PDB file of all heavy atoms in Angstrom:
ATOM      1  N   GLU A   1     201.073  -6.049 105.384  1.00  0.00           N
ATOM      2  CA  GLU A   1     201.425  -7.450 105.340  1.00  0.00           C
ATOM      3  C   GLU A   1     201.174  -8.297 106.545  1.00  0.00           C
ATOM      4  O   GLU A   1     201.252  -9.457 106.589  1.00  0.00           O
ATOM      5  CB  GLU A   1     202.981  -7.614 104.985  1.00  0.00           C
ATOM      6  CG  GLU A   1     203.296  -7.122 103.532  1.00  0.00           C
ATOM      7  CD  GLU A   1     204.779  -7.197 103.259  1.00  0.00           C
ATOM      8  OE1 GLU A   1     205.635  -7.558 104.126  1.00  0.00           O
ATOM      9  OE2 GLU A   1     205.122  -7.045 102.050  1.00  0.00           O
ATOM     10  N   GLU A   2     200.864  -7.596 107.654  1.00  0.00           N
ATOM     11  CA  GLU A   2     200.620  -8.266 108.966  1.00  0.00           C
ATOM     12  C   GLU A   2     199.093  -8.710 109.011  1.00  0.00           C
ATOM     13  O   GLU A   2     198.788  -9.484 109.870  1.00  0.00           O
ATOM     14  CB  GLU A   2     200.798  -7.320 110.092  1.00  0.00           C
ATOM     15  CG  GLU A   2     202.175  -6.799 110.232  1.00  0.00           C
ATOM     16  CD  GLU A   2     203.193  -7.955 110.387  1.00  0.00           C
ATOM     17  OE1 GLU A   2     202.981  -8.889 111.204  1.00  0.00           O
ATOM     18  OE2 GLU A   2     204.173  -7.920 109.724  1.00  0.00           O
ATOM     19  N   ALA A   3     198.231  -8.363 108.028  1.00  0.00           N
ATOM     20  CA  ALA A   3     196.943  -8.796 108.012  1.00  0.00           C
ATOM     21  C   ALA A   3     196.807 -10.267 107.750  1.00  0.00           C
ATOM     22  O   ALA A   3     197.628 -10.785 106.933  1.00  0.00           O
ATOM     23  CB  ALA A   3     196.151  -8.058 106.850  1.00  0.00           C
ATOM     24  N   THR A   4     195.973 -10.931 108.390  1.00  0.00           N
ATOM     25  CA  THR A   4     195.836 -12.388 108.303  1.00  0.00           C
ATOM     26  C   THR A   4     194.679 -12.708 107.273  1.00  0.00           C
ATOM     27  O   THR A   4     193.984 -11.720 107.002  1.00  0.00           O
ATOM     28  CB  THR A   4     195.460 -13.103 109.608  1.00  0.00           C
ATOM     29  OG1 THR A   4     194.250 -12.532 110.051  1.00  0.00           O
ATOM     30  CG2 THR A   4     196.603 -12.737 110.701  1.00  0.00           C
ATOM     31  N   PHE A   5     194.491 -13.923 106.956  1.00  0.00           N
ATOM     32  CA  PHE A   5     193.415 -14.280 106.050  1.00  0.00           C
ATOM     33  C   PHE A   5     192.110 -14.046 106.711  1.00  0.00           C
ATOM     34  O   PHE A   5     191.136 -13.608 106.093  1.00  0.00           O
ATOM     35  CB  PHE A   5     193.530 -15.774 105.588  1.00  0.00           C
ATOM     36  CG  PHE A   5     192.457 -16.073 104.598  1.00  0.00           C
ATOM     37  CD1 PHE A   5     192.517 -15.610 103.259  1.00  0.00           C
ATOM     38  CD2 PHE A   5     191.364 -16.931 104.905  1.00  0.00           C
ATOM     39  CE1 PHE A   5     191.573 -15.885 102.349  1.00  0.00           C
ATOM     40  CE2 PHE A   5     190.422 -17.191 103.943  1.00  0.00           C
ATOM     41  CZ  PHE A   5     190.511 -16.687 102.676  1.00  0.00           C
ATOM     42  N   TRP A   6     192.084 -14.209 108.096  1.00  0.00           N
ATOM     43  CA  TRP A   6     190.778 -13.861 108.827  1.00  0.00           C
ATOM     44  C   TRP A   6     190.401 -12.403 108.475  1.00  0.00           C
ATOM     45  O   TRP A   6     189.217 -12.142 108.349  1.00  0.00           O
ATOM     46  CB  TRP A   6     191.019 -14.068 110.275  1.00  0.00           C
ATOM     47  CG  TRP A   6     189.746 -13.827 111.054  1.00  0.00           C
ATOM     48  CD1 TRP A   6     188.848 -14.759 111.426  1.00  0.00           C
ATOM     49  CD2 TRP A   6     189.340 -12.579 111.574  1.00  0.00           C
ATOM     50  NE1 TRP A   6     187.775 -14.162 112.069  1.00  0.00           N
ATOM     51  CE2 TRP A   6     188.101 -12.827 112.204  1.00  0.00           C
ATOM     52  CE3 TRP A   6     189.860 -11.218 111.546  1.00  0.00           C
ATOM     53  CZ2 TRP A   6     187.302 -11.854 112.861  1.00  0.00           C
ATOM     54  CZ3 TRP A   6     189.091 -10.279 112.225  1.00  0.00           C
ATOM     55  CH2 TRP A   6     187.834 -10.550 112.832  1.00  0.00           C
ATOM     56  N   VAL A   7     191.358 -11.520 108.546  1.00  0.00           N
ATOM     57  CA  VAL A   7     191.057 -10.076 108.209  1.00  0.00           C
ATOM     58  C   VAL A   7     190.490  -9.925 106.894  1.00  0.00           C
ATOM     59  O   VAL A   7     189.491  -9.288 106.623  1.00  0.00           O
ATOM     60  CB  VAL A   7     192.298  -9.217 108.490  1.00  0.00           C
ATOM     61  CG1 VAL A   7     192.047  -7.789 107.941  1.00  0.00           C
ATOM     62  CG2 VAL A   7     192.714  -9.173 109.829  1.00  0.00           C
ATOM     63  N   PHE A   8     191.092 -10.558 105.863  1.00  0.00           N
ATOM     64  CA  PHE A   8     190.598 -10.537 104.471  1.00  0.00           C
ATOM     65  C   PHE A   8     189.151 -11.093 104.305  1.00  0.00           C
ATOM     66  O   PHE A   8     188.329 -10.524 103.737  1.00  0.00           O
ATOM     67  CB  PHE A   8     191.561 -11.223 103.467  1.00  0.00           C
ATOM     68  CG  PHE A   8     192.757 -10.418 103.156  1.00  0.00           C
ATOM     69  CD1 PHE A   8     193.892 -10.393 103.859  1.00  0.00           C
ATOM     70  CD2 PHE A   8     192.748  -9.573 102.043  1.00  0.00           C
ATOM     71  CE1 PHE A   8     194.978  -9.730 103.614  1.00  0.00           C
ATOM     72  CE2 PHE A   8     193.808  -8.756 101.694  1.00  0.00           C
ATOM     73  CZ  PHE A   8     194.930  -8.866 102.465  1.00  0.00           C
ATOM     74  N   ARG A   9     188.969 -12.209 104.949  1.00  0.00           N
ATOM     75  CA  ARG A   9     187.660 -12.909 104.770  1.00  0.00           C
ATOM     76  C   ARG A   9     186.630 -12.197 105.464  1.00  0.00           C
ATOM     77  O   ARG A   9     185.439 -12.090 104.936  1.00  0.00           O
ATOM     78  CB  ARG A   9     187.846 -14.338 105.444  1.00  0.00           C
ATOM     79  CG  ARG A   9     186.608 -15.130 105.150  1.00  0.00           C
ATOM     80  CD  ARG A   9     186.746 -16.541 105.420  1.00  0.00           C
ATOM     81  NE  ARG A   9     185.558 -17.238 105.032  1.00  0.00           N
ATOM     82  CZ  ARG A   9     185.337 -18.528 105.262  1.00  0.00           C
ATOM     83  NH1 ARG A   9     186.301 -19.273 105.784  1.00  0.00           N
ATOM     84  NH2 ARG A   9     184.239 -19.016 104.926  1.00  0.00           N
ATOM     85  N   HIS A  10     186.865 -11.603 106.683  1.00  0.00           N
ATOM     86  CA  HIS A  10     185.758 -10.945 107.399  1.00  0.00           C
ATOM     87  C   HIS A  10     185.727  -9.435 107.216  1.00  0.00           C
ATOM     88  O   HIS A  10     184.752  -8.898 107.593  1.00  0.00           O
ATOM     89  CB  HIS A  10     185.937 -11.266 108.919  1.00  0.00           C
ATOM     90  CG  HIS A  10     185.711 -12.743 109.208  1.00  0.00           C
ATOM     91  ND1 HIS A  10     184.528 -13.237 109.262  1.00  0.00           N
ATOM     92  CD2 HIS A  10     186.618 -13.695 109.397  1.00  0.00           C
ATOM     93  CE1 HIS A  10     184.576 -14.648 109.573  1.00  0.00           C
ATOM     94  NE2 HIS A  10     185.837 -14.846 109.628  1.00  0.00           N
ATOM     95  N   TYR A  11     186.694  -8.914 106.555  1.00  0.00           N
ATOM     96  CA  TYR A  11     186.746  -7.417 106.406  1.00  0.00           C
ATOM     97  C   TYR A  11     186.890  -7.051 104.919  1.00  0.00           C
ATOM     98  O   TYR A  11     186.000  -6.317 104.419  1.00  0.00           O
ATOM     99  CB  TYR A  11     187.873  -6.876 107.231  1.00  0.00           C
ATOM    100  CG  TYR A  11     188.231  -5.477 107.112  1.00  0.00           C
ATOM    101  CD1 TYR A  11     187.260  -4.500 107.587  1.00  0.00           C
ATOM    102  CD2 TYR A  11     189.340  -4.998 106.419  1.00  0.00           C
ATOM    103  CE1 TYR A  11     187.536  -3.162 107.441  1.00  0.00           C
ATOM    104  CE2 TYR A  11     189.593  -3.629 106.359  1.00  0.00           C
ATOM    105  CZ  TYR A  11     188.765  -2.678 106.823  1.00  0.00           C
ATOM    106  OH  TYR A  11     188.993  -1.374 106.737  1.00  0.00           O
ATOM    107  N   GLY A  12     187.798  -7.694 104.235  1.00  0.00           N
ATOM    108  CA  GLY A  12     188.022  -7.384 102.852  1.00  0.00           C
ATOM    109  C   GLY A  12     187.063  -7.971 101.921  1.00  0.00           C
ATOM    110  O   GLY A  12     186.637  -7.283 100.918  1.00  0.00           O
ATOM    111  N   PHE A  13     186.636  -9.172 102.117  1.00  0.00           N
ATOM    112  CA  PHE A  13     185.778  -9.922 101.152  1.00  0.00           C
ATOM    113  C   PHE A  13     184.339  -9.638 101.499  1.00  0.00           C
ATOM    114  O   PHE A  13     183.465 -10.044 100.749  1.00  0.00           O
ATOM    115  CB  PHE A  13     186.063 -11.436 101.053  1.00  0.00           C
ATOM    116  CG  PHE A  13     187.449 -11.676 100.598  1.00  0.00           C
ATOM    117  CD1 PHE A  13     188.156 -12.654 101.133  1.00  0.00           C
ATOM    118  CD2 PHE A  13     188.035 -10.944  99.563  1.00  0.00           C
ATOM    119  CE1 PHE A  13     189.490 -12.959 100.656  1.00  0.00           C
ATOM    120  CE2 PHE A  13     189.294 -11.203  99.091  1.00  0.00           C
ATOM    121  CZ  PHE A  13     189.978 -12.270  99.690  1.00  0.00           C
ATOM    122  N   GLN A  14     184.052  -9.211 102.726  1.00  0.00           N
ATOM    123  CA  GLN A  14     182.642  -9.211 103.194  1.00  0.00           C
ATOM    124  C   GLN A  14     182.047  -7.823 102.954  1.00  0.00           C
ATOM    125  O   GLN A  14     182.672  -6.799 103.229  1.00  0.00           O
ATOM    126  CB  GLN A  14     182.611  -9.561 104.695  1.00  0.00           C
ATOM    127  CG  GLN A  14     181.203  -9.596 105.270  1.00  0.00           C
ATOM    128  CD  GLN A  14     181.229  -9.968 106.738  1.00  0.00           C
ATOM    129  OE1 GLN A  14     182.231 -10.537 107.247  1.00  0.00           O
ATOM    130  NE2 GLN A  14     180.153  -9.689 107.426  1.00  0.00           N
ATOM    131  N   SER A  15     180.846  -7.850 102.417  1.00  0.00           N
ATOM    132  CA  SER A  15     180.113  -6.548 102.242  1.00  0.00           C
ATOM    133  C   SER A  15     179.481  -6.175 103.493  1.00  0.00           C
ATOM    134  O   SER A  15     179.030  -6.971 104.245  1.00  0.00           O
ATOM    135  CB  SER A  15     179.145  -6.746 101.149  1.00  0.00           C
ATOM    136  OG  SER A  15     178.246  -5.573 100.997  1.00  0.00           O
ATOM    137  N   GLY A  16     179.425  -4.864 103.686  1.00  0.00           N
ATOM    138  CA  GLY A  16     178.805  -4.324 104.878  1.00  0.00           C
ATOM    139  C   GLY A  16     177.260  -4.160 104.675  1.00  0.00           C
ATOM    140  O   GLY A  16     176.532  -3.671 105.488  1.00  0.00           O
ATOM    141  N   ARG A  17     176.782  -4.656 103.545  1.00  0.00           N
ATOM    142  CA  ARG A  17     175.308  -4.515 103.183  1.00  0.00           C
ATOM    143  C   ARG A  17     174.473  -5.243 104.078  1.00  0.00           C
ATOM    144  O   ARG A  17     173.439  -4.695 104.585  1.00  0.00           O
ATOM    145  CB  ARG A  17     175.069  -4.908 101.732  1.00  0.00           C
ATOM    146  CG  ARG A  17     173.754  -4.756 101.259  1.00  0.00           C
ATOM    147  CD  ARG A  17     173.520  -5.345  99.881  1.00  0.00           C
ATOM    148  NE  ARG A  17     173.380  -6.687 100.017  1.00  0.00           N
ATOM    149  CZ  ARG A  17     172.411  -7.368  99.348  1.00  0.00           C
ATOM    150  NH1 ARG A  17     171.622  -6.824  98.525  1.00  0.00           N
ATOM    151  NH2 ARG A  17     172.282  -8.651  99.538  1.00  0.00           N
ATOM    152  N   ASP A  18     174.739  -6.477 104.378  1.00  0.00           N
ATOM    153  CA  ASP A  18     173.799  -7.368 105.157  1.00  0.00           C
ATOM    154  C   ASP A  18     174.272  -7.560 106.634  1.00  0.00           C
ATOM    155  O   ASP A  18     173.556  -8.077 107.461  1.00  0.00           O
ATOM    156  CB  ASP A  18     173.680  -8.684 104.501  1.00  0.00           C
ATOM    157  CG  ASP A  18     173.049  -8.595 103.098  1.00  0.00           C
ATOM    158  OD1 ASP A  18     172.174  -7.797 102.978  1.00  0.00           O
ATOM    159  OD2 ASP A  18     173.550  -9.334 102.246  1.00  0.00           O
ATOM    160  N   THR A  19     175.498  -7.089 106.922  1.00  0.00           N
ATOM    161  CA  THR A  19     176.035  -7.442 108.258  1.00  0.00           C
ATOM    162  C   THR A  19     177.092  -6.285 108.647  1.00  0.00           C
ATOM    163  O   THR A  19     177.623  -5.682 107.770  1.00  0.00           O
ATOM    164  CB  THR A  19     176.625  -8.889 108.228  1.00  0.00           C
ATOM    165  OG1 THR A  19     177.199  -9.116 109.530  1.00  0.00           O
ATOM    166  CG2 THR A  19     177.818  -8.939 107.293  1.00  0.00           C
ATOM    167  N   ASP A  20     177.356  -6.222 109.882  1.00  0.00           N
ATOM    168  CA  ASP A  20     178.366  -5.258 110.307  1.00  0.00           C
ATOM    169  C   ASP A  20     179.703  -6.044 110.242  1.00  0.00           C
ATOM    170  O   ASP A  20     179.964  -6.826 111.134  1.00  0.00           O
ATOM    171  CB  ASP A  20     177.978  -4.759 111.638  1.00  0.00           C
ATOM    172  CG  ASP A  20     179.083  -3.836 112.163  1.00  0.00           C
ATOM    173  OD1 ASP A  20     180.043  -3.454 111.413  1.00  0.00           O
ATOM    174  OD2 ASP A  20     178.987  -3.390 113.377  1.00  0.00           O
ATOM    175  N   LYS A  21     180.455  -5.794 109.252  1.00  0.00           N
ATOM    176  CA  LYS A  21     181.728  -6.504 109.083  1.00  0.00           C
ATOM    177  C   LYS A  21     182.728  -6.193 110.157  1.00  0.00           C
ATOM    178  O   LYS A  21     183.762  -6.844 110.264  1.00  0.00           O
ATOM    179  CB  LYS A  21     182.321  -6.340 107.690  1.00  0.00           C
ATOM    180  CG  LYS A  21     182.705  -4.929 107.302  1.00  0.00           C
ATOM    181  CD  LYS A  21     183.158  -4.928 105.859  1.00  0.00           C
ATOM    182  CE  LYS A  21     183.640  -3.598 105.378  1.00  0.00           C
ATOM    183  NZ  LYS A  21     184.003  -3.678 103.999  1.00  0.00           N
ATOM    184  N   PHE A  22     182.463  -5.178 110.950  1.00  0.00           N
ATOM    185  CA  PHE A  22     183.405  -4.761 112.061  1.00  0.00           C
ATOM    186  C   PHE A  22     182.958  -5.385 113.423  1.00  0.00           C
ATOM    187  O   PHE A  22     183.539  -5.129 114.384  1.00  0.00           O
ATOM    188  CB  PHE A  22     183.484  -3.252 112.204  1.00  0.00           C
ATOM    189  CG  PHE A  22     184.244  -2.611 111.031  1.00  0.00           C
ATOM    190  CD1 PHE A  22     183.538  -2.155 109.971  1.00  0.00           C
ATOM    191  CD2 PHE A  22     185.588  -2.425 111.065  1.00  0.00           C
ATOM    192  CE1 PHE A  22     184.216  -1.477 108.887  1.00  0.00           C
ATOM    193  CE2 PHE A  22     186.279  -1.764 110.027  1.00  0.00           C
ATOM    194  CZ  PHE A  22     185.564  -1.388 108.961  1.00  0.00           C
ATOM    195  N   ALA A  23     181.829  -6.217 113.375  1.00  0.00           N
ATOM    196  CA  ALA A  23     181.320  -6.742 114.662  1.00  0.00           C
ATOM    197  C   ALA A  23     182.443  -7.588 115.269  1.00  0.00           C
ATOM    198  O   ALA A  23     183.123  -8.428 114.637  1.00  0.00           O
ATOM    199  CB  ALA A  23     180.162  -7.606 114.389  1.00  0.00           C
ATOM    200  N   GLY A  24     182.612  -7.400 116.595  1.00  0.00           N
ATOM    201  CA  GLY A  24     183.590  -8.159 117.306  1.00  0.00           C
ATOM    202  C   GLY A  24     185.056  -7.560 117.202  1.00  0.00           C
ATOM    203  O   GLY A  24     186.045  -8.053 117.787  1.00  0.00           O
ATOM    204  N   ILE A  25     185.243  -6.468 116.485  1.00  0.00           N
ATOM    205  CA  ILE A  25     186.571  -5.845 116.305  1.00  0.00           C
ATOM    206  C   ILE A  25     186.440  -4.552 116.959  1.00  0.00           C
ATOM    207  O   ILE A  25     185.508  -3.713 116.752  1.00  0.00           O
ATOM    208  CB  ILE A  25     186.878  -5.660 114.832  1.00  0.00           C
ATOM    209  CG1 ILE A  25     186.944  -7.029 114.086  1.00  0.00           C
ATOM    210  CG2 ILE A  25     188.187  -4.886 114.656  1.00  0.00           C
ATOM    211  CD1 ILE A  25     187.095  -6.894 112.615  1.00  0.00           C
ATOM    212  N   PRO A  26     187.443  -4.193 117.931  1.00  0.00           N
ATOM    213  CA  PRO A  26     187.389  -2.823 118.480  1.00  0.00           C
ATOM    214  C   PRO A  26     187.321  -1.783 117.423  1.00  0.00           C
ATOM    215  O   PRO A  26     188.067  -1.792 116.426  1.00  0.00           O
ATOM    216  CB  PRO A  26     188.728  -2.755 119.229  1.00  0.00           C
ATOM    217  CG  PRO A  26     189.205  -4.214 119.357  1.00  0.00           C
ATOM    218  CD  PRO A  26     188.567  -4.945 118.221  1.00  0.00           C
ATOM    219  N   GLU A  27     186.333  -0.826 117.585  1.00  0.00           N
ATOM    220  CA  GLU A  27     186.027   0.178 116.594  1.00  0.00           C
ATOM    221  C   GLU A  27     187.103   1.244 116.645  1.00  0.00           C
ATOM    222  O   GLU A  27     187.366   1.784 117.699  1.00  0.00           O
ATOM    223  CB  GLU A  27     184.680   0.705 116.770  1.00  0.00           C
ATOM    224  CG  GLU A  27     184.346   1.683 115.641  1.00  0.00           C
ATOM    225  CD  GLU A  27     182.864   2.105 115.738  1.00  0.00           C
ATOM    226  OE1 GLU A  27     182.049   1.286 115.522  1.00  0.00           O
ATOM    227  OE2 GLU A  27     182.665   3.345 116.009  1.00  0.00           O
ATOM    228  N   ASN A  28     187.727   1.481 115.543  1.00  0.00           N
ATOM    229  CA  ASN A  28     188.709   2.571 115.303  1.00  0.00           C
ATOM    230  C   ASN A  28     188.168   3.443 114.190  1.00  0.00           C
ATOM    231  O   ASN A  28     187.708   2.933 113.152  1.00  0.00           O
ATOM    232  CB  ASN A  28     190.089   2.069 115.009  1.00  0.00           C
ATOM    233  CG  ASN A  28     190.749   1.197 116.161  1.00  0.00           C
ATOM    234  OD1 ASN A  28     190.961   1.854 117.196  1.00  0.00           O
ATOM    235  ND2 ASN A  28     190.944  -0.032 115.878  1.00  0.00           N
ATOM    236  N   ARG A  29     188.261   4.811 114.402  1.00  0.00           N
ATOM    237  CA  ARG A  29     187.822   5.652 113.391  1.00  0.00           C
ATOM    238  C   ARG A  29     188.811   6.867 113.231  1.00  0.00           C
ATOM    239  O   ARG A  29     189.384   7.249 114.275  1.00  0.00           O
ATOM    240  CB  ARG A  29     186.420   6.213 113.666  1.00  0.00           C
ATOM    241  CG  ARG A  29     185.345   5.216 113.573  1.00  0.00           C
ATOM    242  CD  ARG A  29     184.017   5.904 113.924  1.00  0.00           C
ATOM    243  NE  ARG A  29     182.877   4.927 113.882  1.00  0.00           N
ATOM    244  CZ  ARG A  29     182.146   4.783 112.761  1.00  0.00           C
ATOM    245  NH1 ARG A  29     182.321   5.532 111.690  1.00  0.00           N
ATOM    246  NH2 ARG A  29     181.027   3.964 112.712  1.00  0.00           N
ATOM    247  N   THR A  30     188.867   7.342 112.002  1.00  0.00           N
ATOM    248  CA  THR A  30     189.689   8.574 111.729  1.00  0.00           C
ATOM    249  C   THR A  30     188.847   9.790 112.307  1.00  0.00           C
ATOM    250  O   THR A  30     187.704   9.535 112.653  1.00  0.00           O
ATOM    251  CB  THR A  30     190.037   8.800 110.376  1.00  0.00           C
ATOM    252  OG1 THR A  30     188.776   9.078 109.637  1.00  0.00           O
ATOM    253  CG2 THR A  30     190.825   7.604 109.767  1.00  0.00           C
ATOM    254  N   GLU A  31     189.382  10.909 112.334  1.00  0.00           N
ATOM    255  CA  GLU A  31     188.609  12.165 112.776  1.00  0.00           C
ATOM    256  C   GLU A  31     187.410  12.323 111.950  1.00  0.00           C
ATOM    257  O   GLU A  31     186.442  12.909 112.343  1.00  0.00           O
ATOM    258  CB  GLU A  31     189.526  13.400 112.674  1.00  0.00           C
ATOM    259  CG  GLU A  31     190.728  13.398 113.561  1.00  0.00           C
ATOM    260  CD  GLU A  31     191.921  12.636 113.030  1.00  0.00           C
ATOM    261  OE1 GLU A  31     191.979  12.378 111.751  1.00  0.00           O
ATOM    262  OE2 GLU A  31     192.762  12.169 113.851  1.00  0.00           O
ATOM    263  N   ASN A  32     187.467  11.876 110.653  1.00  0.00           N
ATOM    264  CA  ASN A  32     186.152  12.085 109.758  1.00  0.00           C
ATOM    265  C   ASN A  32     185.378  10.840 109.730  1.00  0.00           C
ATOM    266  O   ASN A  32     184.461  10.854 108.941  1.00  0.00           O
ATOM    267  CB  ASN A  32     186.705  12.385 108.347  1.00  0.00           C
ATOM    268  CG  ASN A  32     187.302  13.843 108.297  1.00  0.00           C
ATOM    269  OD1 ASN A  32     187.055  14.674 109.097  1.00  0.00           O
ATOM    270  ND2 ASN A  32     188.165  14.049 107.308  1.00  0.00           N
ATOM    271  N   GLY A  33     185.644   9.937 110.605  1.00  0.00           N
ATOM    272  CA  GLY A  33     184.689   8.746 110.730  1.00  0.00           C
ATOM    273  C   GLY A  33     185.049   7.520 109.943  1.00  0.00           C
ATOM    274  O   GLY A  33     184.245   6.544 109.969  1.00  0.00           O
ATOM    275  N   LEU A  34     186.089   7.451 109.226  1.00  0.00           N
ATOM    276  CA  LEU A  34     186.464   6.285 108.435  1.00  0.00           C
ATOM    277  C   LEU A  34     186.901   5.176 109.374  1.00  0.00           C
ATOM    278  O   LEU A  34     187.715   5.338 110.320  1.00  0.00           O
ATOM    279  CB  LEU A  34     187.664   6.479 107.445  1.00  0.00           C
ATOM    280  CG  LEU A  34     187.349   7.561 106.358  1.00  0.00           C
ATOM    281  CD1 LEU A  34     188.637   7.727 105.535  1.00  0.00           C
ATOM    282  CD2 LEU A  34     186.229   7.016 105.463  1.00  0.00           C
ATOM    283  N   ARG A  35     186.273   3.985 109.258  1.00  0.00           N
ATOM    284  CA  ARG A  35     186.554   2.876 110.147  1.00  0.00           C
ATOM    285  C   ARG A  35     187.713   2.094 109.591  1.00  0.00           C
ATOM    286  O   ARG A  35     187.939   1.929 108.456  1.00  0.00           O
ATOM    287  CB  ARG A  35     185.316   1.944 110.219  1.00  0.00           C
ATOM    288  CG  ARG A  35     184.190   2.664 110.955  1.00  0.00           C
ATOM    289  CD  ARG A  35     182.913   1.876 110.823  1.00  0.00           C
ATOM    290  NE  ARG A  35     182.835   0.938 111.887  1.00  0.00           N
ATOM    291  CZ  ARG A  35     181.758   0.091 112.085  1.00  0.00           C
ATOM    292  NH1 ARG A  35     180.734   0.110 111.255  1.00  0.00           N
ATOM    293  NH2 ARG A  35     181.781  -0.673 113.095  1.00  0.00           N
ATOM    294  N   TYR A  36     188.551   1.484 110.557  1.00  0.00           N
ATOM    295  CA  TYR A  36     189.618   0.689 110.164  1.00  0.00           C
ATOM    296  C   TYR A  36     189.968  -0.288 111.273  1.00  0.00           C
ATOM    297  O   TYR A  36     189.594  -0.167 112.386  1.00  0.00           O
ATOM    298  CB  TYR A  36     190.829   1.584 109.858  1.00  0.00           C
ATOM    299  CG  TYR A  36     191.392   2.404 111.017  1.00  0.00           C
ATOM    300  CD1 TYR A  36     192.478   1.866 111.781  1.00  0.00           C
ATOM    301  CD2 TYR A  36     190.935   3.658 111.290  1.00  0.00           C
ATOM    302  CE1 TYR A  36     192.938   2.639 112.791  1.00  0.00           C
ATOM    303  CE2 TYR A  36     191.463   4.377 112.267  1.00  0.00           C
ATOM    304  CZ  TYR A  36     192.413   3.799 113.130  1.00  0.00           C
ATOM    305  OH  TYR A  36     192.919   4.567 114.201  1.00  0.00           O
ATOM    306  N   ILE A  37     190.855  -1.308 110.951  1.00  0.00           N
ATOM    307  CA  ILE A  37     191.251  -2.284 111.903  1.00  0.00           C
ATOM    308  C   ILE A  37     192.635  -1.945 112.348  1.00  0.00           C
ATOM    309  O   ILE A  37     193.542  -1.873 111.524  1.00  0.00           O
ATOM    310  CB  ILE A  37     191.254  -3.661 111.299  1.00  0.00           C
ATOM    311  CG1 ILE A  37     189.798  -4.135 110.894  1.00  0.00           C
ATOM    312  CG2 ILE A  37     191.824  -4.740 112.203  1.00  0.00           C
ATOM    313  CD1 ILE A  37     189.708  -5.462 110.178  1.00  0.00           C
ATOM    314  N   ASP A  38     192.839  -1.697 113.507  1.00  0.00           N
ATOM    315  CA  ASP A  38     194.082  -1.207 114.092  1.00  0.00           C
ATOM    316  C   ASP A  38     195.152  -2.364 113.961  1.00  0.00           C
ATOM    317  O   ASP A  38     194.818  -3.523 114.215  1.00  0.00           O
ATOM    318  CB  ASP A  38     193.971  -0.834 115.606  1.00  0.00           C
ATOM    319  CG  ASP A  38     195.191  -0.094 116.145  1.00  0.00           C
ATOM    320  OD1 ASP A  38     195.734   0.681 115.394  1.00  0.00           O
ATOM    321  OD2 ASP A  38     195.509  -0.242 117.287  1.00  0.00           O
ATOM    322  N   GLY A  39     196.304  -2.034 113.548  1.00  0.00           N
ATOM    323  CA  GLY A  39     197.371  -3.050 113.456  1.00  0.00           C
ATOM    324  C   GLY A  39     197.390  -3.768 112.124  1.00  0.00           C
ATOM    325  O   GLY A  39     198.391  -4.412 111.769  1.00  0.00           O
ATOM    326  N   CYS A  40     196.345  -3.642 111.367  1.00  0.00           N
ATOM    327  CA  CYS A  40     196.336  -4.285 109.981  1.00  0.00           C
ATOM    328  C   CYS A  40     196.120  -3.281 108.910  1.00  0.00           C
ATOM    329  O   CYS A  40     196.103  -3.688 107.683  1.00  0.00           O
ATOM    330  CB  CYS A  40     195.100  -5.270 109.947  1.00  0.00           C
ATOM    331  SG  CYS A  40     195.325  -6.694 111.064  1.00  0.00           S
ATOM    332  N   THR A  41     195.953  -2.020 109.194  1.00  0.00           N
ATOM    333  CA  THR A  41     195.657  -1.029 108.189  1.00  0.00           C
ATOM    334  C   THR A  41     196.647   0.067 108.281  1.00  0.00           C
ATOM    335  O   THR A  41     196.812   0.631 109.350  1.00  0.00           O
ATOM    336  CB  THR A  41     194.197  -0.453 108.403  1.00  0.00           C
ATOM    337  OG1 THR A  41     193.298  -1.468 108.705  1.00  0.00           O
ATOM    338  CG2 THR A  41     193.846   0.444 107.297  1.00  0.00           C
TER     339      THR A  41
END
């Protein structure tokens, strides 16, 4: 519930096909490599 509309627009609604949707966001990964946004996931 802490996720803002910015997170949805740039992360949830954006496809990673043409662009890196994580650009400008500190990269966080699980041990198996799944990317996520810290504090919103």
